[in-house]
Amino acid sequence: MDDVPRFEAVIGFYPVEDLAATRDFYGRDLGLTLERDQGRCLIFRAGRGYLGFCRAEHGAAGHPQLMLTLVCDDVDGVYRRLLRLGVETEGAPREDAALGLRHFFARDPDGYRVEVQRFTRPLSRA
């Protein structure tokens, strides 16, 4: 079908309470590039996609069931870096053979669960 759109990237937007703390965590701590500061929203590049964070309205930041996953070859290096910077994690990186990945979890300033992972088994192209 010739009319099927070919999307180039994705941006997920998340509400946050403190844009400065968010800028520090995702920019300084995780090393993501800030692509655009829109005043009330920040957009960071994450590989071939983007993460957007906007100032929360009505206290909607940090929903406990939302999780952001960043895929990276050096999971252990990111873990050591975050520990050195005093970022709280939920434990050391571990292998999950059933899911085919190595990963760990941390929390961002708004309480979002941030997973850093590396696939140990290629994703299927289904």
Protein backbone atom coordinates (compact mmCIF):
# COMPACT_ATOMS: atom_id res chain seq x y z
CA MET A 1 0.00 0.00 0.00
CA ASP A 2 1.54 3.27 -1.12
CA ASP A 3 -0.41 5.47 1.29
CA VAL A 4 0.96 3.89 4.49
CA PRO A 5 2.73 6.65 6.48
CA ARG A 6 6.43 6.24 7.25
CA PHE A 7 6.98 7.69 10.68
CA GLU A 8 10.51 8.84 11.52
CA ALA A 9 10.41 8.91 15.31
CA VAL A 10 8.16 9.00 18.34
CA ILE A 11 7.82 11.53 21.18
CA GLY A 12 6.19 10.48 24.42
CA PHE A 13 5.17 13.42 26.63
CA TYR A 14 5.09 13.15 30.42
CA PRO A 15 3.89 15.70 32.99
CA VAL A 16 6.47 16.84 35.55
CA GLU A 17 6.46 19.17 38.55
CA ASP A 18 9.97 20.62 38.27
CA LEU A 19 11.39 21.23 34.80
CA ALA A 20 14.83 22.18 36.18
CA ALA A 21 15.15 18.88 38.07
CA THR A 22 13.93 17.04 34.96
CA ARG A 23 16.51 18.85 32.81
CA ASP A 24 19.26 17.85 35.27
CA PHE A 25 18.22 14.20 35.47
CA TYR A 26 17.70 13.51 31.77
CA GLY A 27 20.35 15.93 30.48
CA ARG A 28 23.16 15.86 33.02
CA ASP A 29 22.64 12.48 34.73
CA LEU A 30 21.54 10.37 31.75
CA GLY A 31 23.36 12.43 29.12
CA LEU A 32 20.40 12.88 26.76
CA THR A 33 20.59 15.84 24.39
CA LEU A 34 18.06 18.59 24.98
CA GLU A 35 16.71 19.22 21.49
CA ARG A 36 14.19 21.89 22.35
CA ASP A 37 13.23 23.99 25.36
CA GLN A 38 9.71 25.23 24.73
CA GLY A 39 9.42 27.08 28.03
CA ARG A 40 6.84 24.79 29.61
CA CYS A 41 8.09 21.64 27.83
CA LEU A 42 11.51 20.06 27.28
CA ILE A 43 12.21 17.62 24.44
CA PHE A 44 15.22 15.31 24.72
CA ARG A 45 16.65 13.07 22.00
CA ALA A 46 16.81 9.41 23.00
CA GLY A 47 18.35 7.43 20.14
CA ARG A 48 15.94 7.57 17.22
CA GLY A 49 13.10 8.90 19.36
CA TYR A 50 12.38 11.68 21.80
CA LEU A 51 11.15 12.15 25.34
CA GLY A 52 9.06 15.20 26.12
CA PHE A 53 8.37 16.58 29.58
CA CYS A 54 5.82 19.33 30.22
CA ARG A 55 5.06 21.26 33.37
CA ALA A 56 2.20 19.42 35.07
CA GLU A 57 -1.19 20.94 35.44
CA HIS A 58 -3.38 19.93 38.37
CA GLY A 59 -0.74 17.76 40.06
CA ALA A 60 -0.70 15.02 37.39
CA ALA A 61 3.06 14.31 37.49
CA GLY A 62 4.80 11.04 38.34
CA HIS A 63 2.05 8.47 37.74
CA PRO A 64 3.37 5.30 39.44
CA GLN A 65 2.28 2.96 36.62
CA LEU A 66 4.14 4.81 33.85
CA MET A 67 7.60 3.57 32.95
CA LEU A 68 10.17 4.99 30.53
CA THR A 69 12.64 2.53 29.03
CA LEU A 70 15.95 3.62 27.56
CA VAL A 71 17.80 1.03 25.47
CA CYS A 72 21.58 1.19 25.77
CA ASP A 73 24.48 -1.21 25.16
CA ASP A 74 26.28 -0.18 28.37
CA VAL A 75 23.66 -0.88 31.04
CA ASP A 76 26.31 -1.44 33.71
CA GLY A 77 28.10 1.82 32.84
CA VAL A 78 24.86 3.81 33.13
CA TYR A 79 24.16 2.12 36.47
CA ARG A 80 27.60 3.05 37.84
CA ARG A 81 27.19 6.63 36.60
CA LEU A 82 23.79 7.06 38.26
CA LEU A 83 25.09 5.60 41.54
CA ARG A 84 28.05 8.01 41.43
CA LEU A 85 25.59 10.90 40.93
CA GLY A 86 23.44 9.78 43.86
CA VAL A 87 20.44 8.65 41.82
CA GLU A 88 18.24 6.11 43.60
CA THR A 89 17.98 2.73 41.85
CA GLU A 90 15.99 -0.41 42.58
CA GLY A 91 19.10 -2.59 42.56
CA ALA A 92 21.99 -3.59 40.34
CA PRO A 93 21.59 -4.62 36.69
CA ARG A 94 20.44 -8.18 36.19
CA GLU A 95 19.81 -10.63 33.39
CA ASP A 96 16.24 -11.65 32.59
CA ALA A 97 16.62 -14.71 30.35
CA ALA A 98 12.86 -15.07 29.87
CA LEU A 99 12.58 -11.55 28.44
CA GLY A 100 15.98 -11.65 26.74
CA LEU A 101 17.44 -8.54 28.34
CA ARG A 102 19.77 -7.07 30.95
CA HIS A 103 18.31 -4.16 32.91
CA PHE A 104 17.89 -2.10 36.05
CA PHE A 105 15.41 0.47 37.30
CA ALA A 106 15.82 3.98 38.71
CA ARG A 107 13.42 6.79 39.63
CA ASP A 108 13.42 10.25 38.08
CA PRO A 109 12.68 13.42 40.11
CA ASP A 110 8.91 12.98 39.60
CA GLY A 111 8.93 9.33 40.62
CA TYR A 112 8.64 7.86 37.14
CA ARG A 113 10.22 4.43 36.93
CA VAL A 114 13.07 4.58 34.42
CA GLU A 115 14.36 1.29 33.05
CA VAL A 116 17.75 1.09 31.36
CA GLN A 117 18.06 -2.09 29.31
CA ARG A 118 19.99 -3.97 26.66
CA PHE A 119 18.43 -6.72 24.59
CA THR A 120 20.37 -9.97 24.94
CA ARG A 121 18.17 -11.59 22.31
CA PRO A 122 17.29 -9.72 19.10
CA LEU A 123 13.78 -8.37 18.71
CA SER A 124 11.75 -10.19 16.09
CA ARG A 125 10.72 -8.35 12.96
CA ALA A 126 7.13 -9.62 13.09
